Amino acid sequence: MHQFMIQKIVELPSFTVPGLGVIDMSITNSVAAMLLSAFLIVTFYSFAGKGAVVPGRLQTVGEMLYGIVDGLTSSIIGHDGKKYLPFVFALFSFVLFANLQGMLFGWTGNFLGFTSTSQLAVTLTLGLMVILTVIGVGFAKNGLKFFKLFAPSGVPPVLYVILVPIEIISFLIRPITLALRLFGNMLGGHVVLKIFATFVAILLAMTPIYWPIGILSLTSVVALTALEFMVAFLQAFVFAVLTCVYLNDVVHLDSH
């Protein structure tokens, strides 16, 4: 599990915040990996967004990713989806690049290949960003009517005693489910790949009689690696989908 250990890269002084305690400002491998993800996103879309008459590969991929998120916001949120496209697209891009970064550069053994989304603190922060944005949009658009989200219409009044607490708990647990889903998939996938790759290396280092089994196991590792790349994209896609669903709940509160 050493690949998921947080290590300091640059030691910086800490300071005390009243009510929060001591805040360590040192740059860790997780922070460096997230900064690298942000840099890769800006660099990628700087080249992909040139708008050439004949799109190259980068522009084609960039337009495809943008089109996916644009389609999500339009189909789930509706006409108002364009307002929230930058937020959803930023989340989608960060999660996608952070996931792929760990797959593509994991062999380096340093912060370049550190998967920041395998850290619960990172995924929970993303989940809190989503839910706080949803709450902010809900109050800005609906005022105190935002609380109608917890009391769906068309329900017998006697059931509100049970239904309202359930709806509140369901709403508050959303950032936790967002965080655990992303964290669990990335952590589990990397652990499985590491175990199988180590198993193959051990077999190939033994006597030649074990080599056929090692080669056969190597094909499984290749298949798992391909699956993990697909999971890296799907987790970013699911994160974007659920963000759109949560935003739709407060944007179209009257239909709730």
Protein backbone atom coordinates (compact mmCIF):
# COMPACT_ATOMS: atom_id res chain seq x y z
CA MET A 1 0.00 0.00 0.00
CA HIS A 2 3.05 2.28 -0.13
CA GLN A 3 1.82 3.68 -3.46
CA PHE A 4 -0.99 5.47 -1.56
CA MET A 5 1.18 6.91 1.22
CA ILE A 6 1.23 10.68 1.62
CA GLN A 7 4.77 12.04 1.69
CA LYS A 8 6.05 15.60 1.99
CA ILE A 9 7.97 16.91 -1.01
CA VAL A 10 8.48 20.53 0.01
CA GLU A 11 8.54 21.43 3.70
CA LEU A 12 6.69 24.69 4.41
CA PRO A 13 5.87 26.37 7.72
CA SER A 14 2.54 25.67 9.39
CA PHE A 15 0.20 28.14 11.06
CA THR A 16 -2.67 27.96 13.51
CA VAL A 17 -6.24 28.81 12.53
CA PRO A 18 -8.65 29.45 15.43
CA GLY A 19 -11.18 26.65 15.59
CA LEU A 20 -9.32 24.49 13.08
CA GLY A 21 -5.98 24.01 14.77
CA VAL A 22 -2.59 23.74 13.10
CA ILE A 23 -2.60 23.85 9.28
CA ASP A 24 0.45 22.33 7.60
CA MET A 25 1.17 24.12 4.29
CA SER A 26 3.81 21.63 3.14
CA ILE A 27 3.47 20.34 -0.42
CA THR A 28 2.87 16.59 -0.42
CA ASN A 29 2.91 14.13 -3.31
CA SER A 30 -0.90 14.33 -3.36
CA VAL A 31 -0.87 18.14 -3.67
CA ALA A 32 1.84 17.98 -6.34
CA ALA A 33 -0.16 15.37 -8.27
CA MET A 34 -3.27 17.57 -8.22
CA LEU A 35 -1.26 20.58 -9.36
CA LEU A 36 0.13 18.47 -12.19
CA SER A 37 -3.39 17.35 -13.13
CA ALA A 38 -4.49 20.99 -13.31
CA PHE A 39 -1.43 21.86 -15.41
CA LEU A 40 -2.11 18.96 -17.79
CA ILE A 41 -5.74 20.03 -18.20
CA VAL A 42 -4.78 23.61 -19.05
CA THR A 43 -2.02 22.45 -21.40
CA PHE A 44 -4.21 19.88 -23.14
CA TYR A 45 -7.11 22.25 -23.80
CA SER A 46 -4.73 25.04 -24.81
CA PHE A 47 -3.64 22.87 -27.75
CA ALA A 48 -7.00 21.15 -28.28
CA GLY A 49 -8.95 24.42 -28.30
CA LYS A 50 -7.10 26.15 -31.14
CA GLY A 51 -10.09 25.65 -33.43
CA ALA A 52 -8.24 24.50 -36.54
CA VAL A 53 -10.24 24.12 -39.73
CA VAL A 54 -9.13 20.51 -39.98
CA PRO A 55 -9.24 19.13 -36.40
CA GLY A 56 -6.19 17.19 -35.28
CA ARG A 57 -6.21 14.34 -32.81
CA LEU A 58 -5.98 16.52 -29.72
CA GLN A 59 -8.75 18.82 -30.92
CA THR A 60 -10.95 15.85 -31.79
CA VAL A 61 -10.51 14.34 -28.33
CA GLY A 62 -11.03 17.71 -26.65
CA GLU A 63 -14.21 18.39 -28.60
CA MET A 64 -15.46 14.88 -27.86
CA LEU A 65 -14.97 15.33 -24.09
CA TYR A 66 -16.58 18.75 -24.19
CA GLY A 67 -19.48 17.37 -26.22
CA ILE A 68 -20.05 14.58 -23.69
CA VAL A 69 -20.39 16.99 -20.77
CA ASP A 70 -22.38 19.49 -22.83
CA GLY A 71 -24.80 16.72 -23.73
CA LEU A 72 -25.12 15.73 -20.07
CA THR A 73 -25.93 19.22 -18.83
CA SER A 74 -28.40 19.84 -21.66
CA SER A 75 -30.20 16.51 -21.36
CA ILE A 76 -30.35 16.35 -17.55
CA ILE A 77 -30.67 20.00 -16.49
CA GLY A 78 -32.29 21.27 -19.67
CA HIS A 79 -32.15 24.77 -21.08
CA ASP A 80 -30.43 26.12 -17.96
CA GLY A 81 -27.70 23.51 -18.28
CA LYS A 82 -25.37 25.89 -20.12
CA LYS A 83 -25.02 27.98 -16.97
CA TYR A 84 -23.55 25.06 -15.07
CA LEU A 85 -21.50 23.57 -17.90
CA PRO A 86 -18.18 25.20 -16.81
CA PHE A 87 -18.52 23.82 -13.27
CA VAL A 88 -19.48 20.30 -14.35
CA PHE A 89 -16.86 20.25 -17.10
CA ALA A 90 -14.12 21.38 -14.67
CA LEU A 91 -15.05 18.57 -12.26
CA PHE A 92 -15.20 16.01 -15.05
CA SER A 93 -11.83 17.07 -16.46
CA PHE A 94 -10.08 17.08 -13.09
CA VAL A 95 -11.37 13.65 -12.08
CA LEU A 96 -10.57 12.20 -15.51
CA PHE A 97 -7.02 13.58 -15.68
CA ALA A 98 -6.29 12.65 -12.06
CA ASN A 99 -7.48 9.08 -12.73
CA LEU A 100 -5.51 8.72 -15.97
CA GLN A 101 -2.41 10.32 -14.47
CA GLY A 102 -2.04 7.45 -12.02
CA MET A 103 -2.41 4.92 -14.83
CA LEU A 104 -0.05 6.55 -17.32
CA PHE A 105 2.72 7.68 -14.96
CA GLY A 106 2.38 5.12 -12.17
CA TRP A 107 5.62 3.46 -13.26
CA THR A 108 7.63 6.54 -12.19
CA GLY A 109 7.08 5.78 -8.52
CA ASN A 110 6.87 9.47 -7.55
CA PHE A 111 4.23 12.21 -7.46
CA LEU A 112 3.94 12.14 -11.27
CA GLY A 113 2.07 8.85 -11.04
CA PHE A 114 0.32 9.45 -7.74
CA THR A 115 -3.45 8.95 -8.06
CA SER A 116 -4.90 11.80 -6.01
CA THR A 117 -8.45 10.44 -6.43
CA SER A 118 -7.41 7.35 -4.46
CA GLN A 119 -7.32 9.60 -1.37
CA LEU A 120 -10.61 9.89 0.51
CA ALA A 121 -9.78 13.44 1.60
CA VAL A 122 -9.58 14.54 -2.05
CA THR A 123 -12.76 12.80 -3.21
CA LEU A 124 -14.68 13.99 -0.14
CA THR A 125 -13.57 17.57 -0.86
CA LEU A 126 -14.89 17.23 -4.42
CA GLY A 127 -18.15 15.83 -3.07
CA LEU A 128 -18.50 18.74 -0.63
CA MET A 129 -17.83 21.19 -3.46
CA VAL A 130 -20.71 19.66 -5.40
CA ILE A 131 -23.20 19.65 -2.54
CA LEU A 132 -22.29 23.20 -1.42
CA THR A 133 -22.75 24.41 -4.99
CA VAL A 134 -26.12 22.66 -5.15
CA ILE A 135 -27.19 24.31 -1.89
CA GLY A 136 -25.98 27.72 -3.10
CA VAL A 137 -27.82 27.38 -6.42
CA GLY A 138 -30.91 26.12 -4.60
CA PHE A 139 -31.13 29.14 -2.30
CA ALA A 140 -30.13 31.63 -5.02
CA LYS A 141 -32.81 30.34 -7.39
CA ASN A 142 -35.60 29.40 -4.98
CA GLY A 143 -34.97 31.20 -1.70
CA LEU A 144 -36.62 29.48 1.24
CA LYS A 145 -38.59 27.35 -1.22
CA PHE A 146 -35.39 25.32 -1.41
CA PHE A 147 -36.71 23.33 1.56
CA LYS A 148 -39.48 21.98 -0.69
CA LEU A 149 -36.78 19.61 -1.91
CA PHE A 150 -37.28 17.62 1.30
CA ALA A 151 -41.08 17.58 1.08
CA PRO A 152 -42.20 16.22 -2.31
CA SER A 153 -45.70 17.17 -3.40
CA GLY A 154 -48.54 14.70 -3.81
CA VAL A 155 -47.76 12.83 -0.60
CA PRO A 156 -50.32 12.32 2.20
CA PRO A 157 -49.51 14.78 5.04
CA VAL A 158 -49.18 12.02 7.60
CA LEU A 159 -46.21 10.58 5.69
CA TYR A 160 -44.19 13.80 5.88
CA VAL A 161 -43.14 12.89 9.43
CA ILE A 162 -41.26 9.92 8.00
CA LEU A 163 -40.46 11.19 4.52
CA VAL A 164 -38.83 14.55 5.40
CA PRO A 165 -36.10 13.08 7.68
CA ILE A 166 -35.38 10.42 5.06
CA GLU A 167 -35.06 13.08 2.34
CA ILE A 168 -32.76 15.21 4.51
CA ILE A 169 -30.50 12.26 5.33
CA SER A 170 -30.49 11.23 1.68
CA PHE A 171 -29.44 14.74 0.65
CA LEU A 172 -26.69 15.04 3.27
CA ILE A 173 -25.25 11.65 2.40
CA ARG A 174 -24.76 12.58 -1.26
CA PRO A 175 -21.20 13.96 -0.89
CA ILE A 176 -20.22 10.84 1.06
CA THR A 177 -21.52 8.50 -1.65
CA LEU A 178 -19.80 10.60 -4.34
CA ALA A 179 -16.53 10.42 -2.42
CA LEU A 180 -16.67 6.73 -1.54
CA ARG A 181 -17.60 5.64 -5.07
CA LEU A 182 -14.67 7.41 -6.69
CA PHE A 183 -12.22 6.61 -3.89
CA GLY A 184 -13.17 2.93 -3.71
CA ASN A 185 -12.96 2.30 -7.44
CA MET A 186 -9.57 3.95 -7.88
CA LEU A 187 -8.06 2.46 -4.74
CA GLY A 188 -9.41 -1.04 -5.43
CA GLY A 189 -8.41 -1.04 -9.07
CA HIS A 190 -4.83 -0.03 -8.36
CA VAL A 191 -4.49 -2.59 -5.57
CA VAL A 192 -5.76 -5.42 -7.80
CA LEU A 193 -3.40 -4.41 -10.61
CA LYS A 194 -0.45 -4.29 -8.19
CA ILE A 195 -1.25 -7.74 -6.78
CA PHE A 196 -1.61 -9.39 -10.19
CA ALA A 197 1.51 -7.69 -11.58
CA THR A 198 3.54 -8.83 -8.56
CA PHE A 199 2.21 -12.36 -8.99
CA VAL A 200 3.29 -12.38 -12.66
CA ALA A 201 6.76 -11.05 -11.78
CA ILE A 202 7.21 -13.80 -9.18
CA LEU A 203 6.18 -16.54 -11.61
CA LEU A 204 8.48 -15.29 -14.38
CA ALA A 205 11.38 -15.10 -11.91
CA MET A 206 10.99 -18.77 -10.99
CA THR A 207 12.06 -21.85 -12.94
CA PRO A 208 10.97 -22.12 -16.61
CA ILE A 209 8.23 -24.60 -15.73
CA TYR A 210 6.24 -21.69 -14.26
CA TRP A 211 6.72 -19.39 -17.24
CA PRO A 212 3.62 -20.52 -19.19
CA ILE A 213 1.48 -19.75 -16.14
CA GLY A 214 3.23 -16.39 -15.79
CA ILE A 215 2.63 -15.50 -19.45
CA LEU A 216 -1.02 -16.56 -19.18
CA SER A 217 -1.37 -14.41 -16.06
CA LEU A 218 0.26 -11.52 -17.91
CA THR A 219 -2.64 -11.49 -20.37
CA SER A 220 -4.97 -11.07 -17.39
CA VAL A 221 -2.94 -8.08 -16.22
CA VAL A 222 -3.20 -6.49 -19.67
CA ALA A 223 -6.97 -7.04 -19.65
CA LEU A 224 -7.26 -5.58 -16.14
CA THR A 225 -5.20 -2.58 -17.18
CA ALA A 226 -7.56 -1.92 -20.10
CA LEU A 227 -10.51 -2.31 -17.73
CA GLU A 228 -8.94 0.15 -15.28
CA PHE A 229 -8.56 2.75 -18.04
CA MET A 230 -12.26 2.33 -18.80
CA VAL A 231 -13.11 2.64 -15.11
CA ALA A 232 -11.03 5.84 -14.92
CA PHE A 233 -13.23 7.39 -17.62
CA LEU A 234 -16.49 5.96 -16.29
CA GLN A 235 -15.87 7.30 -12.78
CA ALA A 236 -15.35 10.81 -14.17
CA PHE A 237 -18.50 10.38 -16.29
CA VAL A 238 -20.58 9.13 -13.34
CA PHE A 239 -19.32 12.01 -11.17
CA ALA A 240 -20.46 14.47 -13.84
CA VAL A 241 -23.83 12.72 -14.30
CA LEU A 242 -24.63 12.77 -10.57
CA THR A 243 -23.56 16.42 -10.31
CA CYS A 244 -26.03 17.27 -13.10
CA VAL A 245 -28.77 15.24 -11.40
CA TYR A 246 -28.25 17.04 -8.09
CA LEU A 247 -28.23 20.44 -9.80
CA ASN A 248 -31.38 19.54 -11.72
CA ASP A 249 -33.18 18.85 -8.44
CA VAL A 250 -32.78 22.47 -7.30
CA VAL A 251 -32.95 24.15 -10.72
CA HIS A 252 -36.32 22.54 -11.44
CA LEU A 253 -37.55 22.40 -7.87
CA ASP A 254 -41.22 22.85 -8.80
CA SER A 255 -41.21 19.55 -10.67
CA HIS A 256 -39.74 17.71 -7.69
